[in-house]
Amino acid sequence: MRISIDRTAWAQGSCVTLLLLGLLAGGAAAQGIKVSGPVIEIEPRTFNLGELQQKTMHRVRAHIRNAGTETLRISSVTSDCGCAVAQLPDSVLSPGDTTSVLITLSTRHYSGKITKHIYLKSNDPGAPSAPITLKALVRQIVTLRPLAVDFGTVLLGETPTRTLTVAAAQVERLEIASVVVPEEKLTTRITRSSRQDSTVFSVELTIRPDTPLGSLNSQANIHTNHERAKDLAFTVKGRVRSFFDVNPPKISFGRVGEGRGRQRTVNVTALREGSHRVLAVRCSHAQLDVTLTPVEEGRHYEITLTLPPDMPVGRIREKLRIETDDPHQPEIFLRVTGQVIAAREEGS
């Protein structure tokens, strides 16, 4: 049986939507019934690729057929990510003609279940953007956990340790060539896991007792012998502090109207038991008034910094210096910023 449907007449004679027309056309084409107009037919529409390794390339081919009575024109082939690309040799198909689209999927750095799509845009009104779906389960070649090591707040002289785990599938032979970290801040130790698996390693990172005060934020790398996982990157975070902690770590007055003045408060607190004291506080700008108040001597101090009403118009770029008797932290410097604006500029 042959059925010919005039889509133009149908649309003019009724208010049936193009979506319903596409459904009718797709169903008719699936039953071998020829439908008027261009009709795109894709086989298969979904590829279940199973388990794939990370950083590998995989190719599949889908067959395209024009199941309609008019010329099918495929205007573009796109994907929802750069990991999947498609090659289509023929973009114009006469009724009954076939072609194929070659799809290349790169697993890149993905891990776990992934679903990607290729879209064929054409002049088929029932399927103007026909999808092809690719599904897979990507297994990591070499896993590194965690990807970020956070030591938090570390007191000077303490040597906390954090552990990373590096592992590969049993069929892979893995060796760690080196661990690259800031040498002046960390030491490393590589051991095999207690599990009966020679491809699992523990990498211990320990803060050196003489690590300088300040931030630990840096990039680090583990180099392996594996061709597709030679560099395993991770971050190291934390902060090394001495006896006193200062909060906030910098002072901002913001924008202050001329003649108004403003105050800011800084708290200096001991992080551990001891007998150190804050001796004095000085500011690099003579007009900024500084007051040091011992809330609890040796444990908690409050510093008040006052911007006076007669402060001249202009930007403030100064330093606050806190002097202590801690030999590891004799001076603590804080940035002081702000801007005094003329009265006529306040509303602008």
Protein backbone atom coordinates (compact mmCIF):
# COMPACT_ATOMS: atom_id res chain seq x y z
CA MET A 1 0.00 0.00 0.00
CA ARG A 2 1.32 3.51 -0.90
CA ILE A 3 0.06 6.58 0.90
CA SER A 4 0.93 10.09 -0.29
CA ILE A 5 0.38 12.93 2.16
CA ASP A 6 0.43 16.48 0.84
CA ARG A 7 1.87 18.35 3.85
CA THR A 8 1.15 21.82 2.45
CA ALA A 9 -2.52 21.07 1.87
CA TRP A 10 -2.79 19.45 5.28
CA ALA A 11 -1.37 22.56 7.00
CA GLN A 12 -3.59 24.92 5.04
CA GLY A 13 -6.77 22.92 5.62
CA SER A 14 -6.34 22.52 9.37
CA CYS A 15 -4.43 23.81 12.39
CA VAL A 16 -2.56 20.57 13.02
CA THR A 17 0.94 21.42 14.26
CA LEU A 18 4.16 20.43 12.58
CA LEU A 19 5.00 18.35 15.64
CA LEU A 20 2.00 16.05 15.05
CA LEU A 21 2.85 15.92 11.35
CA GLY A 22 6.41 14.82 12.23
CA LEU A 23 5.11 12.04 14.45
CA LEU A 24 2.83 10.78 11.68
CA ALA A 25 5.64 10.95 9.16
CA GLY A 26 8.09 9.09 11.42
CA GLY A 27 5.58 6.34 12.11
CA ALA A 28 4.71 5.95 8.47
CA ALA A 29 8.36 5.81 7.42
CA ALA A 30 9.04 3.12 10.04
CA GLN A 31 6.34 0.95 8.46
CA GLY A 32 7.77 1.38 4.94
CA ILE A 33 5.09 3.87 3.93
CA LYS A 34 6.48 6.66 1.79
CA VAL A 35 5.65 10.15 3.08
CA SER A 36 5.61 13.30 0.95
CA GLY A 37 8.34 15.80 1.67
CA PRO A 38 11.84 15.09 3.06
CA VAL A 39 12.00 12.60 5.96
CA ILE A 40 15.24 11.82 7.82
CA GLU A 41 15.68 8.25 9.05
CA ILE A 42 18.64 7.37 11.32
CA GLU A 43 19.79 3.88 12.31
CA PRO A 44 20.79 3.45 15.05
CA ARG A 45 19.79 6.53 16.99
CA THR A 46 21.52 5.42 20.21
CA PHE A 47 24.94 3.84 20.74
CA ASN A 48 25.59 2.07 24.05
CA LEU A 49 29.39 1.84 24.01
CA GLY A 50 29.76 0.04 27.32
CA GLU A 51 32.94 0.47 29.36
CA LEU A 52 35.67 2.69 27.88
CA GLN A 53 39.06 3.79 29.15
CA GLN A 54 39.84 7.40 29.86
CA LYS A 55 41.80 9.39 27.23
CA THR A 56 40.88 7.09 24.33
CA MET A 57 39.14 7.62 20.98
CA HIS A 58 36.17 5.58 19.74
CA ARG A 59 34.40 5.65 16.36
CA VAL A 60 30.88 4.61 15.44
CA ARG A 61 28.87 4.94 12.25
CA ALA A 62 25.17 5.78 11.91
CA HIS A 63 23.27 5.28 8.65
CA ILE A 64 21.10 8.08 7.26
CA ARG A 65 18.25 7.54 4.78
CA ASN A 66 15.79 9.90 3.12
CA ALA A 67 12.48 8.10 3.63
CA GLY A 68 10.41 10.86 2.03
CA THR A 69 9.46 11.94 -1.51
CA GLU A 70 11.43 15.21 -1.71
CA THR A 71 15.13 16.05 -1.41
CA LEU A 72 16.54 15.95 2.13
CA ARG A 73 19.08 18.66 2.89
CA ILE A 74 21.21 18.34 6.04
CA SER A 75 22.38 21.87 6.80
CA SER A 76 24.69 21.16 9.75
CA VAL A 77 25.98 18.49 12.12
CA THR A 78 26.71 19.69 15.66
CA SER A 79 27.41 18.19 19.08
CA ASP A 80 26.77 19.22 22.67
CA CYS A 81 30.50 19.06 23.51
CA GLY A 82 33.87 19.22 21.83
CA CYS A 83 34.52 15.59 22.75
CA ALA A 84 32.28 14.28 19.93
CA VAL A 85 32.75 15.21 16.27
CA ALA A 86 30.96 13.90 13.18
CA GLN A 87 31.81 13.60 9.50
CA LEU A 88 29.00 13.52 6.94
CA PRO A 89 30.10 12.89 3.31
CA ASP A 90 26.71 13.66 1.73
CA SER A 91 24.45 16.44 2.94
CA VAL A 92 21.91 16.27 0.08
CA LEU A 93 19.90 13.06 -0.32
CA SER A 94 17.31 12.35 -2.98
CA PRO A 95 14.29 10.22 -2.03
CA GLY A 96 15.48 6.74 -1.06
CA ASP A 97 19.19 7.72 -0.97
CA THR A 98 21.39 6.72 1.96
CA THR A 99 24.64 7.90 3.50
CA SER A 100 26.43 7.46 6.79
CA VAL A 101 27.83 9.74 9.47
CA LEU A 102 31.11 8.82 11.18
CA ILE A 103 31.20 9.90 14.84
CA THR A 104 34.41 10.09 16.88
CA LEU A 105 34.13 10.23 20.67
CA SER A 106 37.06 11.21 22.89
CA THR A 107 36.76 10.16 26.53
CA ARG A 108 39.25 12.87 27.53
CA HIS A 109 39.33 13.35 31.33
CA TYR A 110 35.77 12.10 31.87
CA SER A 111 35.00 9.45 34.44
CA GLY A 112 31.79 7.58 35.25
CA LYS A 113 28.65 7.53 33.13
CA ILE A 114 28.54 9.97 30.21
CA THR A 115 25.85 10.80 27.63
CA LYS A 116 26.70 12.89 24.57
CA HIS A 117 24.63 13.95 21.55
CA ILE A 118 25.15 14.67 17.86
CA TYR A 119 22.45 16.77 16.16
CA LEU A 120 21.62 16.62 12.44
CA LYS A 121 19.79 19.76 11.35
CA SER A 122 17.79 19.34 8.15
CA ASN A 123 14.76 20.51 6.19
CA ASP A 124 12.62 17.66 7.55
CA PRO A 125 9.84 19.63 9.29
CA GLY A 126 9.04 16.68 11.52
CA ALA A 127 12.62 16.39 12.85
CA PRO A 128 14.49 19.65 12.20
CA SER A 129 17.22 18.69 14.69
CA ALA A 130 17.47 14.90 14.88
CA PRO A 131 19.70 13.60 17.70
CA ILE A 132 22.11 10.67 17.82
CA THR A 133 22.96 9.63 21.39
CA LEU A 134 26.22 8.09 22.64
CA LYS A 135 26.37 6.49 26.09
CA ALA A 136 29.37 5.02 27.89
CA LEU A 137 30.91 4.24 31.25
CA VAL A 138 34.39 5.77 31.39
CA ARG A 139 36.96 4.14 33.63
CA GLN A 140 39.88 6.26 34.82
CA ILE A 141 43.27 4.95 33.74
CA VAL A 142 44.92 6.24 36.90
CA THR A 143 42.97 7.73 39.79
CA LEU A 144 44.24 10.34 42.21
CA ARG A 145 42.28 11.08 45.38
CA PRO A 146 41.84 13.71 46.65
CA LEU A 147 42.59 16.30 43.99
CA ALA A 148 42.98 19.05 46.63
CA VAL A 149 44.90 18.74 49.89
CA ASP A 150 43.86 21.23 52.57
CA PHE A 151 46.01 21.51 55.71
CA GLY A 152 43.85 24.28 57.14
CA THR A 153 45.55 26.44 59.77
CA VAL A 154 48.94 25.09 60.84
CA LEU A 155 50.96 26.56 63.69
CA LEU A 156 54.64 27.18 63.02
CA GLY A 157 56.66 24.12 64.02
CA GLU A 158 53.79 21.66 63.62
CA THR A 159 54.22 18.89 61.02
CA PRO A 160 50.78 17.55 60.02
CA THR A 161 50.54 14.92 57.26
CA ARG A 162 47.95 14.40 54.54
CA THR A 163 47.73 11.33 52.30
CA LEU A 164 46.98 10.97 48.59
CA THR A 165 46.07 7.66 46.94
CA VAL A 166 47.23 6.85 43.41
CA ALA A 167 45.80 3.73 41.76
CA ALA A 168 45.49 2.05 38.36
CA ALA A 169 43.48 -0.91 37.09
CA GLN A 170 45.08 -4.26 37.94
CA VAL A 171 45.91 -4.86 34.29
CA GLU A 172 48.01 -1.70 34.26
CA ARG A 173 51.55 -1.57 35.59
CA LEU A 174 52.05 1.73 37.42
CA GLU A 175 55.18 3.31 38.87
CA ILE A 176 55.54 6.77 40.46
CA ALA A 177 58.60 8.52 39.09
CA SER A 178 58.48 11.63 41.31
CA VAL A 179 56.32 13.95 43.37
CA VAL A 180 56.90 17.65 42.70
CA VAL A 181 55.91 19.97 45.59
CA PRO A 182 57.33 23.22 47.03
CA GLU A 183 60.49 21.83 48.67
CA GLU A 184 60.77 24.61 51.24
CA LYS A 185 57.31 23.79 52.58
CA LEU A 186 56.63 20.05 52.19
CA THR A 187 58.33 16.68 52.31
CA THR A 188 56.97 13.56 50.59
CA ARG A 189 56.99 9.82 51.20
CA ILE A 190 55.76 7.16 48.75
CA THR A 191 54.62 3.74 49.95
CA ARG A 192 52.73 0.83 48.47
CA SER A 193 49.30 0.23 49.83
CA SER A 194 48.75 -2.54 52.38
CA ARG A 195 46.33 -4.07 49.90
CA GLN A 196 47.59 -6.91 47.75
CA ASP A 197 47.71 -4.75 44.66
CA SER A 198 51.02 -3.43 43.35
CA THR A 199 49.28 -0.67 41.39
CA VAL A 200 48.07 1.25 44.44
CA PHE A 201 50.32 3.78 46.16
CA SER A 202 50.03 6.13 49.11
CA VAL A 203 51.74 9.52 48.84
CA GLU A 204 52.24 11.27 52.18
CA LEU A 205 52.68 15.05 52.26
CA THR A 206 54.13 16.51 55.46
CA ILE A 207 54.61 20.17 56.31
CA ARG A 208 58.19 20.96 57.23
CA PRO A 209 58.75 22.36 60.75
CA ASP A 210 60.62 25.34 59.28
CA THR A 211 57.94 26.19 56.69
CA PRO A 212 57.74 30.01 56.33
CA LEU A 213 54.72 31.82 57.68
CA GLY A 214 52.01 32.52 55.16
CA SER A 215 49.94 30.79 52.50
CA LEU A 216 50.52 27.22 51.27
CA ASN A 217 48.41 27.63 48.14
CA SER A 218 50.29 26.04 45.24
CA GLN A 219 50.07 23.52 42.41
CA ALA A 220 51.82 20.15 42.70
CA ASN A 221 52.28 17.12 40.45
CA ILE A 222 52.80 13.39 40.62
CA HIS A 223 54.74 12.02 37.63
CA THR A 224 54.09 8.40 36.62
CA ASN A 225 55.39 6.03 33.94
CA HIS A 226 51.96 5.63 32.37
CA GLU A 227 51.78 6.93 28.79
CA ARG A 228 48.29 8.38 29.17
CA ALA A 229 48.62 9.62 32.76
CA LYS A 230 52.14 10.98 33.07
CA ASP A 231 51.11 14.09 35.05
CA LEU A 232 48.62 13.94 37.92
CA ALA A 233 47.97 17.48 39.14
CA PHE A 234 46.63 18.45 42.55
CA THR A 235 46.53 21.55 44.74
CA VAL A 236 47.91 22.15 48.21
CA LYS A 237 46.14 24.65 50.45
CA GLY A 238 46.64 25.89 53.97
CA ARG A 239 48.16 28.64 56.06
CA VAL A 240 51.10 28.55 58.45
CA ARG A 241 50.74 30.89 61.40
CA SER A 242 52.76 31.67 64.49
CA PHE A 243 51.58 32.59 67.98
CA PHE A 244 49.15 35.36 67.02
CA ASP A 245 46.28 35.43 64.52
CA VAL A 246 45.05 38.73 63.11
CA ASN A 247 41.48 39.25 61.93
CA PRO A 248 40.71 40.79 59.51
CA PRO A 249 44.03 40.35 57.65
CA LYS A 250 43.65 43.78 55.97
CA ILE A 251 41.78 47.01 56.70
CA SER A 252 39.54 48.87 54.26
CA PHE A 253 37.76 52.13 55.06
CA GLY A 254 35.97 52.02 51.70
CA ARG A 255 34.73 55.35 50.28
CA VAL A 256 34.35 57.98 53.00
CA GLY A 257 32.75 61.36 52.51
CA GLU A 258 34.90 64.38 53.25
CA GLY A 259 34.56 65.49 56.88
CA ARG A 260 32.86 62.29 58.09
CA GLY A 261 35.62 60.04 59.46
CA ARG A 262 35.35 56.30 60.13
CA GLN A 263 36.64 53.57 62.47
CA ARG A 264 37.85 50.02 61.94
CA THR A 265 38.66 47.31 64.53
CA VAL A 266 41.27 44.54 64.33
CA ASN A 267 41.46 41.58 66.73
CA VAL A 268 44.79 39.97 67.61
CA THR A 269 44.32 36.56 69.26
CA ALA A 270 46.76 33.95 70.57
CA LEU A 271 46.42 30.60 68.76
CA ARG A 272 47.98 28.53 71.55
CA GLU A 273 49.14 28.67 75.14
CA GLY A 274 52.20 30.83 75.77
CA SER A 275 53.48 34.07 77.18
CA HIS A 276 53.97 36.33 74.17
CA ARG A 277 52.52 39.83 74.08
CA VAL A 278 51.67 42.58 71.62
CA LEU A 279 54.08 45.45 72.40
CA ALA A 280 52.99 48.28 70.14
CA VAL A 281 51.01 49.23 67.03
CA ARG A 282 52.06 51.90 64.54
CA CYS A 283 50.56 53.26 61.31
CA SER A 284 52.53 54.68 58.38
CA HIS A 285 50.13 57.66 58.13
CA ALA A 286 50.45 60.13 60.98
CA GLN A 287 46.81 61.30 60.73
CA LEU A 288 45.37 57.83 61.24
CA ASP A 289 44.88 57.38 64.98
CA VAL A 290 45.74 53.94 66.43
CA THR A 291 44.65 52.57 69.83
CA LEU A 292 45.81 49.24 71.33
CA THR A 293 43.57 47.71 74.01
CA PRO A 294 44.62 44.49 75.88
CA VAL A 295 41.32 42.63 76.34
CA GLU A 296 43.23 39.73 77.96
CA GLU A 297 46.98 40.25 78.19
CA GLY A 298 48.87 37.67 76.18
CA ARG A 299 45.66 36.20 74.73
CA HIS A 300 43.49 38.84 73.05
CA TYR A 301 44.10 42.42 71.92
CA GLU A 302 41.86 44.91 70.16
CA ILE A 303 43.25 47.53 67.80
CA THR A 304 41.13 50.50 66.77
CA LEU A 305 42.16 52.50 63.71
CA THR A 306 40.40 55.85 63.26
CA LEU A 307 40.20 57.91 60.08
CA PRO A 308 39.63 61.47 61.35
CA PRO A 309 37.04 63.88 59.85
CA ASP A 310 39.81 66.25 58.72
CA MET A 311 41.53 63.60 56.59
CA PRO A 312 42.34 65.21 53.21
CA VAL A 313 40.59 64.07 50.03
CA GLY A 314 42.43 61.30 48.22
CA ARG A 315 43.31 57.62 48.23
CA ILE A 316 44.63 55.82 51.30
CA ARG A 317 47.44 53.31 50.78
CA GLU A 318 49.13 52.71 54.13
CA LYS A 319 50.46 49.97 56.42
CA LEU A 320 49.66 49.04 60.00
CA ARG A 321 52.58 47.47 61.89
CA ILE A 322 51.91 45.29 64.93
CA GLU A 323 55.01 44.63 67.09
CA THR A 324 55.18 41.51 69.31
CA ASP A 325 57.78 39.70 71.43
CA ASP A 326 57.21 36.44 69.49
CA PRO A 327 60.67 35.73 67.92
CA HIS A 328 59.01 34.00 64.95
CA GLN A 329 56.57 36.86 64.39
CA PRO A 330 58.18 40.08 65.68
CA GLU A 331 56.22 42.21 63.22
CA ILE A 332 52.82 41.74 61.57
CA PHE A 333 51.90 44.05 58.71
CA LEU A 334 48.37 44.86 57.55
CA ARG A 335 47.40 46.85 54.45
CA VAL A 336 45.21 49.90 55.07
CA THR A 337 43.17 51.13 52.10
CA GLY A 338 40.32 53.52 51.39
CA GLN A 339 39.38 56.78 49.72
CA VAL A 340 38.20 60.11 51.05
CA ILE A 341 35.93 61.75 48.48
CA ALA A 342 34.94 65.37 48.15
CA ALA A 343 31.42 66.25 49.31
CA ARG A 344 30.35 67.15 45.76
CA GLU A 345 31.27 63.63 44.57
CA GLU A 346 29.25 61.69 47.16
CA GLY A 347 26.08 61.55 45.08
CA SER A 348 27.82 60.59 41.86
